[in-house]
Amino acid sequence: MDKIELTATELKVLDEYFAGEIGMFTATEEQMTVIRNLNDRAGALMDKLDAWDELGEDMLGWYYNKYLEQRAQ
C-alpha cells in the first residue's frame, strides 16, 4: 500500500473534525479544501485497494485509521 503522508495542517483539521469542532456547514474555506483533498485521496486509495466494503460511515475516519496503522508499523 502507498504510504499515507499527512501534513501538520491536515492533521489539525482531522483533529478538529473528529472532535466535532467543524462540520460541512461550519468549516472555513481552508478547512473545506483540506477535507475535500483528503476525501479525494481516501477515495483513490479505496479504489486502489478495492476496500469499499471496509468503508463504514466515515471515509475520513477510514483513511486516518490507515494512516495510524502505517505509523504503528
N, C-alpha and C. Protein backbone atom coordinates (compact mmCIF):
# COMPACT_ATOMS: atom_id res chain seq x y z
N MET A 1 0.85 -1.18 0.00
CA MET A 1 0.00 0.00 0.00
C MET A 1 0.89 1.24 0.00
N ASP A 2 0.47 2.26 -0.73
CA ASP A 2 1.19 3.52 -0.75
C ASP A 2 1.20 4.13 0.64
N LYS A 3 2.33 4.75 0.97
CA LYS A 3 2.43 5.39 2.28
C LYS A 3 1.55 6.63 2.32
N ILE A 4 0.78 6.77 3.37
CA ILE A 4 -0.08 7.92 3.56
C ILE A 4 0.72 8.99 4.31
N GLU A 5 0.84 10.14 3.69
CA GLU A 5 1.53 11.28 4.29
C GLU A 5 0.49 12.34 4.62
N LEU A 6 0.51 12.85 5.83
CA LEU A 6 -0.40 13.92 6.24
C LEU A 6 0.43 15.10 6.75
N THR A 7 0.06 16.28 6.30
CA THR A 7 0.75 17.49 6.74
C THR A 7 0.24 17.90 8.12
N ALA A 8 0.95 18.83 8.73
CA ALA A 8 0.51 19.34 10.04
C ALA A 8 -0.87 19.97 9.93
N THR A 9 -1.13 20.68 8.83
CA THR A 9 -2.45 21.29 8.63
C THR A 9 -3.53 20.23 8.49
N GLU A 10 -3.25 19.19 7.73
CA GLU A 10 -4.23 18.11 7.57
C GLU A 10 -4.52 17.42 8.89
N LEU A 11 -3.48 17.18 9.69
CA LEU A 11 -3.68 16.56 11.00
C LEU A 11 -4.51 17.45 11.91
N LYS A 12 -4.26 18.76 11.86
CA LYS A 12 -5.02 19.71 12.68
C LYS A 12 -6.49 19.70 12.28
N VAL A 13 -6.76 19.74 10.98
CA VAL A 13 -8.15 19.72 10.51
C VAL A 13 -8.82 18.40 10.88
N LEU A 14 -8.12 17.29 10.76
CA LEU A 14 -8.69 16.00 11.16
C LEU A 14 -9.01 15.98 12.65
N ASP A 15 -8.11 16.50 13.47
CA ASP A 15 -8.36 16.57 14.91
C ASP A 15 -9.62 17.38 15.19
N GLU A 16 -9.77 18.52 14.52
CA GLU A 16 -10.95 19.36 14.71
C GLU A 16 -12.21 18.65 14.21
N TYR A 17 -12.10 17.96 13.10
CA TYR A 17 -13.23 17.23 12.52
C TYR A 17 -13.70 16.13 13.48
N PHE A 18 -12.76 15.32 13.96
CA PHE A 18 -13.11 14.21 14.85
C PHE A 18 -13.60 14.70 16.21
N ALA A 19 -13.16 15.87 16.63
CA ALA A 19 -13.61 16.45 17.90
C ALA A 19 -14.99 17.10 17.76
N GLY A 20 -15.51 17.14 16.54
CA GLY A 20 -16.81 17.75 16.31
C GLY A 20 -16.77 19.27 16.29
N GLU A 21 -15.58 19.83 16.16
CA GLU A 21 -15.43 21.28 16.16
C GLU A 21 -15.76 21.90 14.80
N ILE A 22 -15.69 21.10 13.75
CA ILE A 22 -16.03 21.59 12.42
C ILE A 22 -16.94 20.58 11.73
N GLY A 23 -17.72 21.07 10.83
CA GLY A 23 -18.62 20.23 10.04
C GLY A 23 -18.78 20.84 8.66
N MET A 24 -19.62 20.26 7.86
CA MET A 24 -19.81 20.71 6.48
C MET A 24 -20.27 22.18 6.42
N PHE A 25 -21.03 22.62 7.38
CA PHE A 25 -21.58 23.98 7.33
C PHE A 25 -20.84 24.96 8.23
N THR A 26 -19.90 24.47 9.03
CA THR A 26 -19.18 25.35 9.95
C THR A 26 -17.70 25.48 9.61
N ALA A 27 -17.22 24.71 8.65
CA ALA A 27 -15.80 24.73 8.29
C ALA A 27 -15.46 25.99 7.51
N THR A 28 -14.24 26.47 7.71
CA THR A 28 -13.74 27.58 6.90
C THR A 28 -13.44 27.05 5.49
N GLU A 29 -13.20 27.95 4.58
CA GLU A 29 -12.86 27.54 3.21
C GLU A 29 -11.58 26.70 3.20
N GLU A 30 -10.60 27.10 4.01
CA GLU A 30 -9.35 26.34 4.09
C GLU A 30 -9.61 24.92 4.62
N GLN A 31 -10.41 24.82 5.68
CA GLN A 31 -10.73 23.51 6.23
C GLN A 31 -11.47 22.64 5.20
N MET A 32 -12.41 23.26 4.47
CA MET A 32 -13.16 22.51 3.45
C MET A 32 -12.24 22.03 2.34
N THR A 33 -11.28 22.86 1.96
CA THR A 33 -10.31 22.45 0.93
C THR A 33 -9.51 21.25 1.41
N VAL A 34 -9.06 21.28 2.66
CA VAL A 34 -8.31 20.16 3.23
C VAL A 34 -9.19 18.91 3.26
N ILE A 35 -10.42 19.04 3.71
CA ILE A 35 -11.32 17.89 3.79
C ILE A 35 -11.60 17.31 2.41
N ARG A 36 -11.84 18.17 1.42
CA ARG A 36 -12.08 17.68 0.05
C ARG A 36 -10.87 16.94 -0.48
N ASN A 37 -9.68 17.49 -0.27
CA ASN A 37 -8.45 16.83 -0.73
C ASN A 37 -8.25 15.49 -0.04
N LEU A 38 -8.49 15.44 1.26
CA LEU A 38 -8.36 14.17 1.98
C LEU A 38 -9.40 13.15 1.49
N ASN A 39 -10.62 13.60 1.23
CA ASN A 39 -11.64 12.70 0.71
C ASN A 39 -11.24 12.15 -0.66
N ASP A 40 -10.68 13.00 -1.51
CA ASP A 40 -10.23 12.55 -2.82
C ASP A 40 -9.13 11.50 -2.70
N ARG A 41 -8.16 11.76 -1.81
CA ARG A 41 -7.06 10.80 -1.62
C ARG A 41 -7.57 9.51 -1.00
N ALA A 42 -8.51 9.62 -0.07
CA ALA A 42 -9.09 8.42 0.54
C ALA A 42 -9.84 7.60 -0.50
N GLY A 43 -10.62 8.26 -1.33
CA GLY A 43 -11.36 7.55 -2.38
C GLY A 43 -10.43 6.86 -3.36
N ALA A 44 -9.34 7.52 -3.73
CA ALA A 44 -8.36 6.92 -4.63
C ALA A 44 -7.72 5.69 -4.00
N LEU A 45 -7.41 5.77 -2.71
CA LEU A 45 -6.82 4.63 -2.02
C LEU A 45 -7.83 3.49 -1.91
N MET A 46 -9.08 3.82 -1.63
CA MET A 46 -10.11 2.78 -1.57
C MET A 46 -10.26 2.08 -2.91
N ASP A 47 -10.21 2.85 -3.99
CA ASP A 47 -10.27 2.24 -5.33
C ASP A 47 -9.08 1.33 -5.56
N LYS A 48 -7.89 1.84 -5.23
CA LYS A 48 -6.67 1.06 -5.45
C LYS A 48 -6.67 -0.25 -4.66
N LEU A 49 -7.15 -0.18 -3.42
CA LEU A 49 -7.18 -1.37 -2.55
C LEU A 49 -8.46 -2.18 -2.71
N ASP A 50 -9.41 -1.65 -3.51
CA ASP A 50 -10.74 -2.25 -3.63
C ASP A 50 -11.29 -2.53 -2.23
N ALA A 51 -11.30 -1.49 -1.41
CA ALA A 51 -11.63 -1.62 0.01
C ALA A 51 -12.95 -0.96 0.37
N TRP A 52 -13.83 -0.77 -0.60
CA TRP A 52 -15.09 -0.07 -0.33
C TRP A 52 -15.94 -0.80 0.71
N ASP A 53 -15.76 -2.11 0.83
CA ASP A 53 -16.53 -2.85 1.83
C ASP A 53 -16.05 -2.55 3.25
N GLU A 54 -14.89 -1.92 3.40
CA GLU A 54 -14.35 -1.54 4.71
C GLU A 54 -14.81 -0.15 5.15
N LEU A 55 -15.49 0.57 4.28
CA LEU A 55 -15.75 1.99 4.49
C LEU A 55 -16.43 2.32 5.80
N GLY A 56 -17.51 1.66 6.12
CA GLY A 56 -18.27 2.07 7.28
C GLY A 56 -19.00 3.36 6.98
N GLU A 57 -19.04 4.28 7.94
CA GLU A 57 -19.81 5.51 7.75
C GLU A 57 -18.96 6.75 7.52
N ASP A 58 -17.65 6.65 7.61
CA ASP A 58 -16.82 7.84 7.55
C ASP A 58 -15.52 7.56 6.78
N MET A 59 -15.42 8.10 5.56
CA MET A 59 -14.23 7.87 4.76
C MET A 59 -13.00 8.51 5.38
N LEU A 60 -13.16 9.68 5.99
CA LEU A 60 -12.01 10.32 6.64
C LEU A 60 -11.52 9.48 7.82
N GLY A 61 -12.45 8.89 8.55
CA GLY A 61 -12.07 8.02 9.66
C GLY A 61 -11.31 6.80 9.17
N TRP A 62 -11.79 6.21 8.07
CA TRP A 62 -11.12 5.05 7.48
C TRP A 62 -9.70 5.43 7.06
N TYR A 63 -9.56 6.55 6.38
CA TYR A 63 -8.26 7.00 5.88
C TYR A 63 -7.30 7.30 7.03
N TYR A 64 -7.80 7.97 8.05
CA TYR A 64 -6.97 8.29 9.21
C TYR A 64 -6.53 7.02 9.94
N ASN A 65 -7.42 6.05 10.05
CA ASN A 65 -7.04 4.78 10.68
C ASN A 65 -5.97 4.06 9.88
N LYS A 66 -6.04 4.13 8.55
CA LYS A 66 -4.98 3.53 7.71
C LYS A 66 -3.66 4.25 7.97
N TYR A 67 -3.72 5.56 8.11
CA TYR A 67 -2.52 6.34 8.43
C TYR A 67 -1.93 5.89 9.76
N LEU A 68 -2.78 5.74 10.78
CA LEU A 68 -2.31 5.32 12.10
C LEU A 68 -1.74 3.91 12.06
N GLU A 69 -2.34 3.02 11.28
CA GLU A 69 -1.82 1.65 11.13
C GLU A 69 -0.40 1.70 10.56
N GLN A 70 -0.17 2.54 9.57
CA GLN A 70 1.17 2.65 8.98
C GLN A 70 2.17 3.18 9.99
N ARG A 71 1.76 4.15 10.78
CA ARG A 71 2.67 4.72 11.79
C ARG A 71 3.05 3.70 12.84
N ALA A 72 2.13 2.77 13.13
CA ALA A 72 2.37 1.77 14.18
C ALA A 72 3.35 0.68 13.72
N GLN A 73 3.56 0.59 12.44
CA GLN A 73 4.44 -0.47 11.92
C GLN A 73 5.89 -0.11 12.01
